[in-house]
Amino acid sequence: MISLHGIERSFLVGDETVHALRGVDLDIAAGEYVSIMGPSGSGKSTLLNVVGLLDRPDGGRYELDGRDVTGLAEDDLARVRREKMGFVFQFFHLVSRLSAAQNIELPMMLAGIDPLERQRRLQQLLADYGLEDRARHRPDQLSGGQCQRVAIARAMSMKPAVILADEPTGNLDRHTGQEVMAVLERVHQSGGSLVLVTHDPEIGSRAKRRLRMRDGAIVGDERG
């Protein structure tokens, strides 16, 4: 499903060039559960952003479902993201003025989904993620765990093939983080791919495949 070949990414920080990714080769099959771990600055989030088409590599090739997406125009990238990717972030990135239900519905509205279908999906998502009694609440009226469940429901609203999660438990207490991981793992068990960046070895060890990064390169790839 996901195939990276010699991916390079650099950033200019002041007068210094920082090599965030160095010749990364990576294949992720449909339905895999993969964690990406490593110290701060190892390239974990940069790799996730490249996989999620949120950032363009400086070199190398990215194939998604057999299609070279490396040089797609911005509109085409946005369409591929909308159709295939769901994103979950550490700080939720919910729209503060919208209710939980409106946040979940937003991607479907932007994609032009029929209103009746939007409502059908919305009601199912609210039920699936235990948010029916919080549907009208804004993010500032929700707990951290509830906000992350809203974010996961929003990510699932377009029925993506892969969920990309960047430190999804990093802003939560341990108990709530475990609950959020259980929700994400149910997504994986339903057939979707789950790619997770985490600094927490305990969270990372839950994945069936565990990548380790250092200095912009993958230095470990464990399965089982």
N, C-alpha and C. Protein backbone atom coordinates (compact mmCIF):
# COMPACT_ATOMS: atom_id res chain seq x y z
N MET A 1 0.83 -1.21 0.00
CA MET A 1 0.00 0.00 0.00
C MET A 1 0.86 1.26 0.00
N ILE A 2 1.81 1.34 0.96
CA ILE A 2 2.70 2.49 1.09
C ILE A 2 4.12 2.01 0.79
N SER A 3 4.79 2.69 -0.13
CA SER A 3 6.15 2.28 -0.50
C SER A 3 7.01 3.52 -0.68
N LEU A 4 7.99 3.67 0.19
CA LEU A 4 8.93 4.78 0.13
C LEU A 4 10.28 4.28 -0.35
N HIS A 5 10.90 5.03 -1.26
CA HIS A 5 12.19 4.64 -1.83
C HIS A 5 13.17 5.81 -1.75
N GLY A 6 14.17 5.70 -0.89
CA GLY A 6 15.22 6.70 -0.80
C GLY A 6 14.74 8.09 -0.44
N ILE A 7 13.79 8.17 0.50
CA ILE A 7 13.19 9.46 0.84
C ILE A 7 14.17 10.34 1.62
N GLU A 8 14.32 11.56 1.15
CA GLU A 8 15.18 12.57 1.79
C GLU A 8 14.32 13.78 2.16
N ARG A 9 14.60 14.37 3.32
CA ARG A 9 13.95 15.62 3.71
C ARG A 9 14.90 16.41 4.58
N SER A 10 15.14 17.66 4.21
CA SER A 10 16.03 18.54 4.96
C SER A 10 15.33 19.85 5.25
N PHE A 11 15.74 20.49 6.33
CA PHE A 11 15.21 21.79 6.72
C PHE A 11 16.39 22.72 7.01
N LEU A 12 16.22 23.98 6.69
CA LEU A 12 17.22 24.99 7.01
C LEU A 12 16.82 25.64 8.33
N VAL A 13 17.66 25.47 9.35
CA VAL A 13 17.42 26.05 10.67
C VAL A 13 18.54 27.05 10.92
N GLY A 14 18.22 28.34 10.77
CA GLY A 14 19.27 29.36 10.82
C GLY A 14 20.20 29.17 9.64
N ASP A 15 21.48 29.00 9.92
CA ASP A 15 22.46 28.76 8.86
C ASP A 15 22.77 27.28 8.69
N GLU A 16 22.07 26.43 9.45
CA GLU A 16 22.40 25.00 9.46
C GLU A 16 21.33 24.19 8.74
N THR A 17 21.76 23.24 7.92
CA THR A 17 20.85 22.32 7.27
C THR A 17 20.68 21.08 8.14
N VAL A 18 19.43 20.80 8.49
CA VAL A 18 19.10 19.63 9.32
C VAL A 18 18.52 18.55 8.42
N HIS A 19 19.14 17.40 8.40
CA HIS A 19 18.68 16.28 7.58
C HIS A 19 17.69 15.45 8.40
N ALA A 20 16.41 15.72 8.20
CA ALA A 20 15.38 15.05 8.99
C ALA A 20 15.16 13.62 8.55
N LEU A 21 15.28 13.35 7.25
CA LEU A 21 15.16 12.00 6.72
C LEU A 21 16.32 11.74 5.77
N ARG A 22 16.95 10.58 5.93
CA ARG A 22 18.14 10.26 5.14
C ARG A 22 17.94 8.92 4.41
N GLY A 23 17.53 8.98 3.15
CA GLY A 23 17.44 7.78 2.32
C GLY A 23 16.53 6.71 2.88
N VAL A 24 15.35 7.09 3.36
CA VAL A 24 14.45 6.14 4.00
C VAL A 24 13.75 5.25 2.97
N ASP A 25 13.87 3.95 3.16
CA ASP A 25 13.13 2.94 2.40
C ASP A 25 12.14 2.27 3.36
N LEU A 26 10.88 2.20 2.95
CA LEU A 26 9.87 1.64 3.85
C LEU A 26 8.67 1.17 3.04
N ASP A 27 8.22 -0.06 3.33
CA ASP A 27 6.98 -0.60 2.76
C ASP A 27 6.04 -0.93 3.91
N ILE A 28 4.80 -0.44 3.81
CA ILE A 28 3.76 -0.75 4.78
C ILE A 28 2.59 -1.36 4.03
N ALA A 29 2.22 -2.57 4.38
CA ALA A 29 1.14 -3.27 3.70
C ALA A 29 -0.21 -2.82 4.24
N ALA A 30 -1.25 -3.04 3.44
CA ALA A 30 -2.61 -2.73 3.87
C ALA A 30 -2.94 -3.54 5.12
N GLY A 31 -3.55 -2.88 6.11
CA GLY A 31 -3.97 -3.55 7.33
C GLY A 31 -2.92 -3.70 8.39
N GLU A 32 -1.70 -3.18 8.18
CA GLU A 32 -0.64 -3.30 9.19
C GLU A 32 -0.86 -2.32 10.34
N TYR A 33 -0.32 -2.69 11.49
CA TYR A 33 -0.29 -1.84 12.69
C TYR A 33 1.18 -1.59 12.99
N VAL A 34 1.63 -0.35 12.75
CA VAL A 34 3.05 -0.01 12.81
C VAL A 34 3.25 1.14 13.79
N SER A 35 4.22 1.01 14.69
CA SER A 35 4.63 2.14 15.52
C SER A 35 6.00 2.62 15.06
N ILE A 36 6.21 3.93 15.17
CA ILE A 36 7.49 4.56 14.83
C ILE A 36 8.00 5.22 16.10
N MET A 37 9.16 4.77 16.56
CA MET A 37 9.71 5.26 17.82
C MET A 37 11.12 5.79 17.61
N GLY A 38 11.59 6.55 18.57
CA GLY A 38 12.93 7.11 18.51
C GLY A 38 13.01 8.36 19.34
N PRO A 39 14.22 8.85 19.61
CA PRO A 39 14.37 10.06 20.42
C PRO A 39 13.86 11.29 19.70
N SER A 40 13.70 12.38 20.43
CA SER A 40 13.30 13.65 19.84
C SER A 40 14.30 14.05 18.76
N GLY A 41 13.78 14.48 17.61
CA GLY A 41 14.65 14.88 16.52
C GLY A 41 15.12 13.75 15.63
N SER A 42 14.59 12.54 15.84
CA SER A 42 15.04 11.40 15.05
C SER A 42 14.38 11.32 13.68
N GLY A 43 13.32 12.11 13.46
CA GLY A 43 12.65 12.12 12.16
C GLY A 43 11.30 11.44 12.15
N LYS A 44 10.79 11.04 13.33
CA LYS A 44 9.53 10.30 13.41
C LYS A 44 8.36 11.07 12.79
N SER A 45 8.15 12.28 13.28
CA SER A 45 7.00 13.05 12.81
C SER A 45 7.18 13.49 11.36
N THR A 46 8.41 13.79 10.96
CA THR A 46 8.66 14.14 9.56
C THR A 46 8.30 12.98 8.65
N LEU A 47 8.67 11.77 9.05
CA LEU A 47 8.32 10.59 8.26
C LEU A 47 6.81 10.43 8.18
N LEU A 48 6.12 10.60 9.30
CA LEU A 48 4.66 10.48 9.29
C LEU A 48 4.03 11.53 8.39
N ASN A 49 4.57 12.75 8.42
CA ASN A 49 4.03 13.81 7.57
C ASN A 49 4.24 13.52 6.10
N VAL A 50 5.37 12.91 5.76
CA VAL A 50 5.61 12.53 4.36
C VAL A 50 4.64 11.42 3.96
N VAL A 51 4.49 10.41 4.81
CA VAL A 51 3.56 9.32 4.52
C VAL A 51 2.14 9.86 4.35
N GLY A 52 1.77 10.85 5.16
CA GLY A 52 0.44 11.43 5.11
C GLY A 52 0.25 12.50 4.05
N LEU A 53 1.28 12.72 3.24
CA LEU A 53 1.22 13.73 2.16
C LEU A 53 0.99 15.13 2.70
N LEU A 54 1.41 15.36 3.95
CA LEU A 54 1.37 16.70 4.52
C LEU A 54 2.66 17.45 4.25
N ASP A 55 3.70 16.72 3.85
CA ASP A 55 5.01 17.31 3.56
C ASP A 55 5.59 16.59 2.36
N ARG A 56 6.30 17.32 1.53
CA ARG A 56 6.91 16.74 0.34
C ARG A 56 8.37 16.38 0.62
N PRO A 57 8.81 15.23 0.17
CA PRO A 57 10.24 14.91 0.31
C PRO A 57 11.08 15.73 -0.66
N ASP A 58 12.35 15.92 -0.32
CA ASP A 58 13.28 16.61 -1.21
C ASP A 58 13.87 15.66 -2.25
N GLY A 59 13.81 14.38 -1.96
CA GLY A 59 14.33 13.38 -2.88
C GLY A 59 13.71 12.04 -2.60
N GLY A 60 13.81 11.14 -3.58
CA GLY A 60 13.23 9.82 -3.45
C GLY A 60 11.86 9.74 -4.10
N ARG A 61 11.21 8.60 -3.92
CA ARG A 61 9.92 8.34 -4.57
C ARG A 61 8.95 7.74 -3.56
N TYR A 62 7.70 8.16 -3.65
CA TYR A 62 6.64 7.67 -2.78
C TYR A 62 5.54 7.09 -3.66
N GLU A 63 5.26 5.81 -3.48
CA GLU A 63 4.17 5.15 -4.20
C GLU A 63 3.08 4.77 -3.20
N LEU A 64 1.85 5.11 -3.53
CA LEU A 64 0.69 4.80 -2.70
C LEU A 64 -0.29 3.99 -3.55
N ASP A 65 -0.55 2.78 -3.12
CA ASP A 65 -1.39 1.86 -3.89
C ASP A 65 -0.90 1.73 -5.33
N GLY A 66 0.42 1.68 -5.49
CA GLY A 66 1.02 1.49 -6.80
C GLY A 66 1.11 2.73 -7.66
N ARG A 67 0.70 3.88 -7.13
CA ARG A 67 0.73 5.14 -7.88
C ARG A 67 1.81 6.05 -7.32
N ASP A 68 2.62 6.60 -8.19
CA ASP A 68 3.65 7.54 -7.76
C ASP A 68 2.97 8.86 -7.40
N VAL A 69 3.01 9.22 -6.12
CA VAL A 69 2.36 10.45 -5.66
C VAL A 69 3.38 11.53 -5.31
N THR A 70 4.65 11.29 -5.61
CA THR A 70 5.71 12.21 -5.18
C THR A 70 5.52 13.61 -5.72
N GLY A 71 5.16 13.72 -7.00
CA GLY A 71 5.10 15.04 -7.62
C GLY A 71 3.71 15.55 -7.90
N LEU A 72 2.71 15.03 -7.20
CA LEU A 72 1.34 15.47 -7.47
C LEU A 72 1.15 16.95 -7.12
N ALA A 73 0.26 17.60 -7.86
CA ALA A 73 -0.12 18.98 -7.56
C ALA A 73 -0.85 19.03 -6.22
N GLU A 74 -0.90 20.22 -5.62
CA GLU A 74 -1.50 20.36 -4.30
C GLU A 74 -2.95 19.91 -4.26
N ASP A 75 -3.73 20.23 -5.28
CA ASP A 75 -5.14 19.82 -5.30
C ASP A 75 -5.26 18.30 -5.34
N ASP A 76 -4.38 17.66 -6.11
CA ASP A 76 -4.40 16.20 -6.19
C ASP A 76 -3.97 15.57 -4.86
N LEU A 77 -2.96 16.17 -4.22
CA LEU A 77 -2.54 15.68 -2.91
C LEU A 77 -3.68 15.78 -1.90
N ALA A 78 -4.39 16.90 -1.92
CA ALA A 78 -5.51 17.09 -0.99
C ALA A 78 -6.58 16.03 -1.22
N ARG A 79 -6.85 15.72 -2.49
CA ARG A 79 -7.87 14.72 -2.79
C ARG A 79 -7.44 13.34 -2.30
N VAL A 80 -6.17 12.97 -2.50
CA VAL A 80 -5.68 11.67 -2.04
C VAL A 80 -5.74 11.60 -0.51
N ARG A 81 -5.32 12.67 0.16
CA ARG A 81 -5.41 12.70 1.63
C ARG A 81 -6.85 12.49 2.08
N ARG A 82 -7.76 13.21 1.46
CA ARG A 82 -9.17 13.14 1.85
C ARG A 82 -9.74 11.74 1.65
N GLU A 83 -9.33 11.09 0.56
CA GLU A 83 -9.90 9.79 0.22
C GLU A 83 -9.26 8.62 0.95
N LYS A 84 -7.99 8.76 1.33
CA LYS A 84 -7.26 7.59 1.83
C LYS A 84 -6.71 7.73 3.24
N MET A 85 -6.57 8.96 3.77
CA MET A 85 -5.87 9.16 5.03
C MET A 85 -6.80 9.75 6.10
N GLY A 86 -6.59 9.31 7.33
CA GLY A 86 -7.21 9.94 8.48
C GLY A 86 -6.10 10.32 9.46
N PHE A 87 -6.20 11.49 10.09
CA PHE A 87 -5.12 12.01 10.92
C PHE A 87 -5.59 12.24 12.36
N VAL A 88 -4.76 11.82 13.31
CA VAL A 88 -5.01 12.05 14.73
C VAL A 88 -3.73 12.65 15.31
N PHE A 89 -3.86 13.81 15.99
CA PHE A 89 -2.69 14.53 16.48
C PHE A 89 -2.71 14.63 18.00
N GLN A 90 -1.57 14.98 18.57
CA GLN A 90 -1.44 15.08 20.02
C GLN A 90 -2.37 16.14 20.60
N PHE A 91 -2.49 17.26 19.91
CA PHE A 91 -3.26 18.38 20.46
C PHE A 91 -4.63 18.51 19.81
N PHE A 92 -5.13 17.42 19.24
CA PHE A 92 -6.51 17.26 18.78
C PHE A 92 -6.84 18.06 17.52
N HIS A 93 -6.47 19.35 17.48
CA HIS A 93 -6.75 20.23 16.34
C HIS A 93 -8.24 20.26 15.99
N LEU A 94 -9.07 20.36 17.02
CA LEU A 94 -10.50 20.55 16.80
C LEU A 94 -10.80 22.03 16.61
N VAL A 95 -11.88 22.33 15.91
CA VAL A 95 -12.31 23.72 15.71
C VAL A 95 -13.07 24.14 16.96
N SER A 96 -12.53 25.12 17.68
CA SER A 96 -13.02 25.43 19.02
C SER A 96 -14.47 25.92 19.04
N ARG A 97 -14.92 26.60 17.98
CA ARG A 97 -16.27 27.16 17.98
C ARG A 97 -17.33 26.14 17.55
N LEU A 98 -16.90 24.98 17.09
CA LEU A 98 -17.83 23.95 16.63
C LEU A 98 -18.07 22.91 17.71
N SER A 99 -19.25 22.31 17.70
CA SER A 99 -19.55 21.22 18.63
C SER A 99 -18.81 19.96 18.21
N ALA A 100 -18.85 18.96 19.08
CA ALA A 100 -18.23 17.67 18.74
C ALA A 100 -18.81 17.12 17.45
N ALA A 101 -20.14 17.15 17.32
CA ALA A 101 -20.78 16.63 16.11
C ALA A 101 -20.36 17.41 14.88
N GLN A 102 -20.28 18.73 15.00
CA GLN A 102 -19.89 19.56 13.86
C GLN A 102 -18.44 19.32 13.46
N ASN A 103 -17.57 19.11 14.44
CA ASN A 103 -16.17 18.78 14.13
C ASN A 103 -16.08 17.46 13.36
N ILE A 104 -16.85 16.47 13.78
CA ILE A 104 -16.83 15.19 13.09
C ILE A 104 -17.39 15.31 11.68
N GLU A 105 -18.41 16.12 11.53
CA GLU A 105 -19.09 16.26 10.24
C GLU A 105 -18.30 17.10 9.24
N LEU A 106 -17.40 17.95 9.73
CA LEU A 106 -16.74 18.94 8.88
C LEU A 106 -16.05 18.33 7.65
N PRO A 107 -15.22 17.28 7.78
CA PRO A 107 -14.58 16.74 6.58
C PRO A 107 -15.59 16.25 5.53
N MET A 108 -16.71 15.71 5.99
CA MET A 108 -17.73 15.24 5.06
C MET A 108 -18.40 16.39 4.32
N MET A 109 -18.60 17.51 5.03
CA MET A 109 -19.15 18.70 4.38
C MET A 109 -18.19 19.22 3.32
N LEU A 110 -16.90 19.30 3.67
CA LEU A 110 -15.90 19.82 2.73
C LEU A 110 -15.77 18.91 1.51
N ALA A 111 -16.03 17.61 1.69
CA ALA A 111 -15.93 16.66 0.58
C ALA A 111 -17.21 16.60 -0.25
N GLY A 112 -18.25 17.32 0.19
CA GLY A 112 -19.49 17.34 -0.58
C GLY A 112 -20.34 16.09 -0.42
N ILE A 113 -20.19 15.38 0.71
CA ILE A 113 -21.01 14.20 0.96
C ILE A 113 -22.47 14.62 1.11
N ASP A 114 -23.37 13.84 0.53
CA ASP A 114 -24.80 14.12 0.61
C ASP A 114 -25.24 14.28 2.07
N PRO A 115 -26.09 15.28 2.38
CA PRO A 115 -26.48 15.54 3.77
C PRO A 115 -27.08 14.33 4.48
N LEU A 116 -27.90 13.54 3.79
CA LEU A 116 -28.48 12.37 4.43
C LEU A 116 -27.41 11.34 4.79
N GLU A 117 -26.45 11.14 3.88
CA GLU A 117 -25.35 10.22 4.15
C GLU A 117 -24.47 10.77 5.27
N ARG A 118 -24.24 12.10 5.28
CA ARG A 118 -23.46 12.70 6.36
C ARG A 118 -24.09 12.41 7.71
N GLN A 119 -25.41 12.59 7.80
CA GLN A 119 -26.08 12.37 9.08
C GLN A 119 -26.04 10.90 9.49
N ARG A 120 -26.17 10.01 8.50
CA ARG A 120 -26.10 8.58 8.82
C ARG A 120 -24.73 8.23 9.39
N ARG A 121 -23.68 8.71 8.72
CA ARG A 121 -22.32 8.44 9.21
C ARG A 121 -22.09 9.09 10.56
N LEU A 122 -22.55 10.32 10.71
CA LEU A 122 -22.32 11.06 11.96
C LEU A 122 -22.95 10.33 13.13
N GLN A 123 -24.19 9.92 12.99
CA GLN A 123 -24.86 9.24 14.10
C GLN A 123 -24.16 7.92 14.44
N GLN A 124 -23.68 7.22 13.42
CA GLN A 124 -22.96 5.98 13.66
C GLN A 124 -21.64 6.23 14.38
N LEU A 125 -20.93 7.27 13.96
CA LEU A 125 -19.66 7.60 14.60
C LEU A 125 -19.84 8.05 16.04
N LEU A 126 -20.85 8.85 16.30
CA LEU A 126 -21.13 9.27 17.68
C LEU A 126 -21.40 8.05 18.56
N ALA A 127 -22.14 7.08 18.01
CA ALA A 127 -22.43 5.86 18.77
C ALA A 127 -21.18 5.01 18.94
N ASP A 128 -20.42 4.85 17.85
CA ASP A 128 -19.23 3.99 17.89
C ASP A 128 -18.20 4.47 18.91
N TYR A 129 -18.09 5.79 19.07
CA TYR A 129 -17.04 6.33 19.94
C TYR A 129 -17.59 6.89 21.26
N GLY A 130 -18.81 6.50 21.60
CA GLY A 130 -19.36 6.86 22.90
C GLY A 130 -19.53 8.35 23.10
N LEU A 131 -19.95 9.06 22.05
CA LEU A 131 -20.03 10.52 22.12
C LEU A 131 -21.45 11.05 21.95
N GLU A 132 -22.44 10.17 22.00
CA GLU A 132 -23.81 10.62 21.75
C GLU A 132 -24.26 11.69 22.75
N ASP A 133 -23.84 11.56 24.01
CA ASP A 133 -24.26 12.54 25.02
C ASP A 133 -23.34 13.76 25.06
N ARG A 134 -22.35 13.80 24.17
CA ARG A 134 -21.44 14.95 24.09
C ARG A 134 -21.50 15.62 22.71
N ALA A 135 -22.44 15.25 21.90
CA ALA A 135 -22.49 15.72 20.52
C ALA A 135 -22.58 17.24 20.41
N ARG A 136 -23.28 17.88 21.32
CA ARG A 136 -23.48 19.33 21.25
C ARG A 136 -22.44 20.12 22.03
N HIS A 137 -21.52 19.44 22.68
CA HIS A 137 -20.50 20.12 23.47
C HIS A 137 -19.35 20.59 22.59
N ARG A 138 -18.85 21.80 22.91
CA ARG A 138 -17.66 22.31 22.23
C ARG A 138 -16.41 21.69 22.87
N PRO A 139 -15.25 21.78 22.20
CA PRO A 139 -14.04 21.18 22.75
C PRO A 139 -13.69 21.64 24.16
N ASP A 140 -13.96 22.92 24.48
CA ASP A 140 -13.62 23.40 25.82
C ASP A 140 -14.56 22.86 26.89
N GLN A 141 -15.58 22.15 26.47
CA GLN A 141 -16.51 21.52 27.41
C GLN A 141 -16.28 20.01 27.51
N LEU A 142 -15.21 19.53 26.89
CA LEU A 142 -14.91 18.11 26.85
C LEU A 142 -13.59 17.82 27.56
N SER A 143 -13.44 16.61 28.06
CA SER A 143 -12.17 16.18 28.64
C SER A 143 -11.18 15.90 27.51
N GLY A 144 -9.90 15.72 27.88
CA GLY A 144 -8.90 15.40 26.88
C GLY A 144 -9.21 14.12 26.13
N GLY A 145 -9.63 13.09 26.88
CA GLY A 145 -9.96 11.83 26.24
C GLY A 145 -11.14 11.95 25.30
N GLN A 146 -12.14 12.74 25.69
CA GLN A 146 -13.30 12.95 24.82
C GLN A 146 -12.89 13.72 23.57
N CYS A 147 -12.03 14.73 23.72
CA CYS A 147 -11.55 15.46 22.55
C CYS A 147 -10.83 14.53 21.58
N GLN A 148 -10.01 13.62 22.12
CA GLN A 148 -9.28 12.72 21.23
C GLN A 148 -10.23 11.74 20.56
N ARG A 149 -11.28 11.33 21.25
CA ARG A 149 -12.27 10.45 20.60
C ARG A 149 -13.01 11.19 19.49
N VAL A 150 -13.29 12.47 19.70
CA VAL A 150 -13.88 13.28 18.63
C VAL A 150 -12.92 13.34 17.45
N ALA A 151 -11.63 13.54 17.73
CA ALA A 151 -10.64 13.63 16.67
C ALA A 151 -10.54 12.31 15.89
N ILE A 152 -10.63 11.19 16.60
CA ILE A 152 -10.58 9.89 15.93
C ILE A 152 -11.84 9.67 15.09
N ALA A 153 -12.99 10.03 15.64
CA ALA A 153 -14.23 9.91 14.88
C ALA A 153 -14.17 10.78 13.63
N ARG A 154 -13.65 11.98 13.77
CA ARG A 154 -13.49 12.87 12.60
C ARG A 154 -12.57 12.22 11.57
N ALA A 155 -11.47 11.63 12.04
CA ALA A 155 -10.53 10.98 11.13
C ALA A 155 -11.19 9.83 10.38
N MET A 156 -12.14 9.16 11.02
CA MET A 156 -12.80 8.00 10.41
C MET A 156 -13.99 8.38 9.55
N SER A 157 -14.38 9.64 9.55
CA SER A 157 -15.62 10.04 8.87
C SER A 157 -15.59 9.81 7.37
N MET A 158 -14.39 9.86 6.77
CA MET A 158 -14.28 9.65 5.33
C MET A 158 -13.86 8.22 4.98
N LYS A 159 -13.95 7.32 5.97
CA LYS A 159 -13.64 5.90 5.78
C LYS A 159 -12.25 5.69 5.16
N PRO A 160 -11.20 6.22 5.81
CA PRO A 160 -9.85 6.13 5.24
C PRO A 160 -9.30 4.72 5.30
N ALA A 161 -8.36 4.44 4.43
CA ALA A 161 -7.68 3.15 4.44
C ALA A 161 -6.60 3.09 5.50
N VAL A 162 -6.10 4.25 5.91
CA VAL A 162 -5.01 4.29 6.89
C VAL A 162 -5.23 5.45 7.85
N ILE A 163 -5.00 5.18 9.14
CA ILE A 163 -5.01 6.21 10.17
C ILE A 163 -3.56 6.50 10.57
N LEU A 164 -3.19 7.77 10.55
CA LEU A 164 -1.86 8.22 10.95
C LEU A 164 -2.00 9.00 12.25
N ALA A 165 -1.36 8.52 13.30
CA ALA A 165 -1.52 9.11 14.63
C ALA A 165 -0.16 9.58 15.14
N ASP A 166 -0.06 10.88 15.41
CA ASP A 166 1.19 11.48 15.88
C ASP A 166 1.08 11.78 17.37
N GLU A 167 1.72 10.97 18.20
CA GLU A 167 1.70 11.11 19.66
C GLU A 167 0.26 11.28 20.17
N PRO A 168 -0.65 10.37 19.83
CA PRO A 168 -2.06 10.56 20.19
C PRO A 168 -2.34 10.51 21.68
N THR A 169 -1.41 9.96 22.48
CA THR A 169 -1.60 9.91 23.93
C THR A 169 -0.70 10.91 24.65
N GLY A 170 0.07 11.70 23.92
CA GLY A 170 1.07 12.56 24.52
C GLY A 170 0.53 13.67 25.39
N ASN A 171 -0.74 14.03 25.19
CA ASN A 171 -1.34 15.12 25.95
C ASN A 171 -2.38 14.61 26.94
N LEU A 172 -2.30 13.29 27.25
CA LEU A 172 -3.31 12.67 28.09
C LEU A 172 -2.65 11.98 29.28
N ASP A 173 -3.41 11.81 30.37
CA ASP A 173 -2.90 11.02 31.49
C ASP A 173 -2.86 9.54 31.08
N ARG A 174 -2.18 8.75 31.88
CA ARG A 174 -1.92 7.36 31.51
C ARG A 174 -3.21 6.57 31.27
N HIS A 175 -4.17 6.69 32.18
CA HIS A 175 -5.41 5.92 32.05
C HIS A 175 -6.16 6.32 30.79
N THR A 176 -6.29 7.63 30.56
CA THR A 176 -7.00 8.10 29.38
C THR A 176 -6.26 7.69 28.11
N GLY A 177 -4.93 7.74 28.17
CA GLY A 177 -4.14 7.32 27.02
C GLY A 177 -4.39 5.87 26.65
N GLN A 178 -4.52 5.01 27.66
CA GLN A 178 -4.81 3.60 27.40
C GLN A 178 -6.18 3.44 26.75
N GLU A 179 -7.15 4.25 27.18
CA GLU A 179 -8.48 4.19 26.58
C GLU A 179 -8.43 4.63 25.11
N VAL A 180 -7.68 5.69 24.83
CA VAL A 180 -7.56 6.17 23.46
C VAL A 180 -6.88 5.12 22.58
N MET A 181 -5.85 4.47 23.10
CA MET A 181 -5.18 3.42 22.33
C MET A 181 -6.14 2.28 22.02
N ALA A 182 -6.99 1.92 22.96
CA ALA A 182 -7.97 0.87 22.71
C ALA A 182 -8.91 1.26 21.58
N VAL A 183 -9.29 2.54 21.53
CA VAL A 183 -10.15 3.03 20.44
C VAL A 183 -9.42 2.93 19.11
N LEU A 184 -8.17 3.39 19.06
CA LEU A 184 -7.40 3.31 17.82
C LEU A 184 -7.21 1.87 17.37
N GLU A 185 -6.98 0.99 18.32
CA GLU A 185 -6.75 -0.41 17.96
C GLU A 185 -8.02 -1.08 17.44
N ARG A 186 -9.19 -0.61 17.88
CA ARG A 186 -10.44 -1.11 17.30
C ARG A 186 -10.53 -0.72 15.83
N VAL A 187 -10.04 0.48 15.51
CA VAL A 187 -10.00 0.91 14.10
C VAL A 187 -9.15 -0.07 13.29
N HIS A 188 -7.99 -0.39 13.82
CA HIS A 188 -7.12 -1.34 13.12
C HIS A 188 -7.78 -2.71 12.98
N GLN A 189 -8.43 -3.17 14.03
CA GLN A 189 -9.06 -4.49 14.00
C GLN A 189 -10.21 -4.55 13.00
N SER A 190 -10.78 -3.39 12.67
CA SER A 190 -11.87 -3.37 11.69
C SER A 190 -11.34 -3.42 10.26
N GLY A 191 -10.02 -3.44 10.09
CA GLY A 191 -9.44 -3.64 8.76
C GLY A 191 -8.56 -2.52 8.26
N GLY A 192 -8.52 -1.39 8.96
CA GLY A 192 -7.69 -0.28 8.51
C GLY A 192 -6.25 -0.41 8.96
N SER A 193 -5.36 0.28 8.27
CA SER A 193 -3.96 0.37 8.69
C SER A 193 -3.83 1.44 9.76
N LEU A 194 -2.94 1.22 10.71
CA LEU A 194 -2.67 2.18 11.77
C LEU A 194 -1.17 2.40 11.85
N VAL A 195 -0.74 3.65 11.64
CA VAL A 195 0.67 4.02 11.74
C VAL A 195 0.77 5.07 12.84
N LEU A 196 1.55 4.76 13.86
CA LEU A 196 1.55 5.52 15.10
C LEU A 196 2.95 6.00 15.45
N VAL A 197 3.12 7.29 15.66
CA VAL A 197 4.36 7.84 16.19
C VAL A 197 4.21 8.03 17.69
N THR A 198 5.18 7.55 18.46
CA THR A 198 5.13 7.71 19.90
C THR A 198 6.53 7.74 20.49
N HIS A 199 6.68 8.47 21.60
CA HIS A 199 7.93 8.43 22.36
C HIS A 199 7.83 7.45 23.52
N ASP A 200 6.65 6.87 23.71
CA ASP A 200 6.38 6.00 24.85
C ASP A 200 6.62 4.54 24.44
N PRO A 201 7.67 3.89 24.99
CA PRO A 201 7.96 2.50 24.59
C PRO A 201 6.81 1.54 24.87
N GLU A 202 6.07 1.78 25.95
CA GLU A 202 4.95 0.90 26.26
C GLU A 202 3.85 0.99 25.21
N ILE A 203 3.56 2.22 24.78
CA ILE A 203 2.56 2.41 23.72
C ILE A 203 3.08 1.80 22.41
N GLY A 204 4.34 2.09 22.09
CA GLY A 204 4.91 1.59 20.84
C GLY A 204 4.96 0.08 20.77
N SER A 205 5.17 -0.57 21.92
CA SER A 205 5.31 -2.03 21.93
C SER A 205 4.00 -2.75 21.65
N ARG A 206 2.88 -2.02 21.67
CA ARG A 206 1.59 -2.64 21.39
C ARG A 206 1.43 -2.98 19.91
N ALA A 207 2.20 -2.30 19.06
CA ALA A 207 2.08 -2.50 17.61
C ALA A 207 2.67 -3.85 17.21
N LYS A 208 2.13 -4.42 16.15
CA LYS A 208 2.64 -5.70 15.64
C LYS A 208 3.95 -5.52 14.87
N ARG A 209 4.22 -4.29 14.43
CA ARG A 209 5.49 -3.98 13.77
C ARG A 209 6.01 -2.69 14.38
N ARG A 210 7.30 -2.70 14.75
CA ARG A 210 7.86 -1.56 15.47
C ARG A 210 9.12 -1.06 14.77
N LEU A 211 9.05 0.17 14.27
CA LEU A 211 10.19 0.80 13.63
C LEU A 211 10.90 1.69 14.63
N ARG A 212 12.22 1.72 14.56
CA ARG A 212 13.01 2.63 15.41
C ARG A 212 13.84 3.53 14.51
N MET A 213 13.83 4.83 14.85
CA MET A 213 14.55 5.81 14.05
C MET A 213 15.63 6.50 14.86
N ARG A 214 16.68 6.89 14.18
CA ARG A 214 17.74 7.69 14.78
C ARG A 214 18.40 8.50 13.67
N ASP A 215 18.55 9.79 13.90
CA ASP A 215 19.24 10.69 12.95
C ASP A 215 18.67 10.58 11.53
N GLY A 216 17.34 10.51 11.44
CA GLY A 216 16.68 10.55 10.14
C GLY A 216 16.66 9.24 9.39
N ALA A 217 17.07 8.16 10.02
CA ALA A 217 17.11 6.85 9.35
C ALA A 217 16.39 5.81 10.19
N ILE A 218 15.85 4.80 9.53
CA ILE A 218 15.26 3.66 10.23
C ILE A 218 16.39 2.71 10.60
N VAL A 219 16.55 2.48 11.89
CA VAL A 219 17.66 1.64 12.36
C VAL A 219 17.18 0.33 12.96
N GLY A 220 15.86 0.15 13.04
CA GLY A 220 15.31 -1.09 13.56
C GLY A 220 13.93 -1.34 13.00
N ASP A 221 13.61 -2.60 12.73
CA ASP A 221 12.31 -2.98 12.18
C ASP A 221 11.97 -4.36 12.76
N GLU A 222 11.14 -4.35 13.83
CA GLU A 222 10.83 -5.60 14.53
C GLU A 222 9.37 -5.95 14.28
N ARG A 223 9.10 -7.24 14.19
CA ARG A 223 7.74 -7.74 14.00
C ARG A 223 7.41 -8.79 15.05
N GLY A 224 6.11 -8.93 15.32
CA GLY A 224 5.68 -9.98 16.23
C GLY A 224 5.21 -9.42 17.56
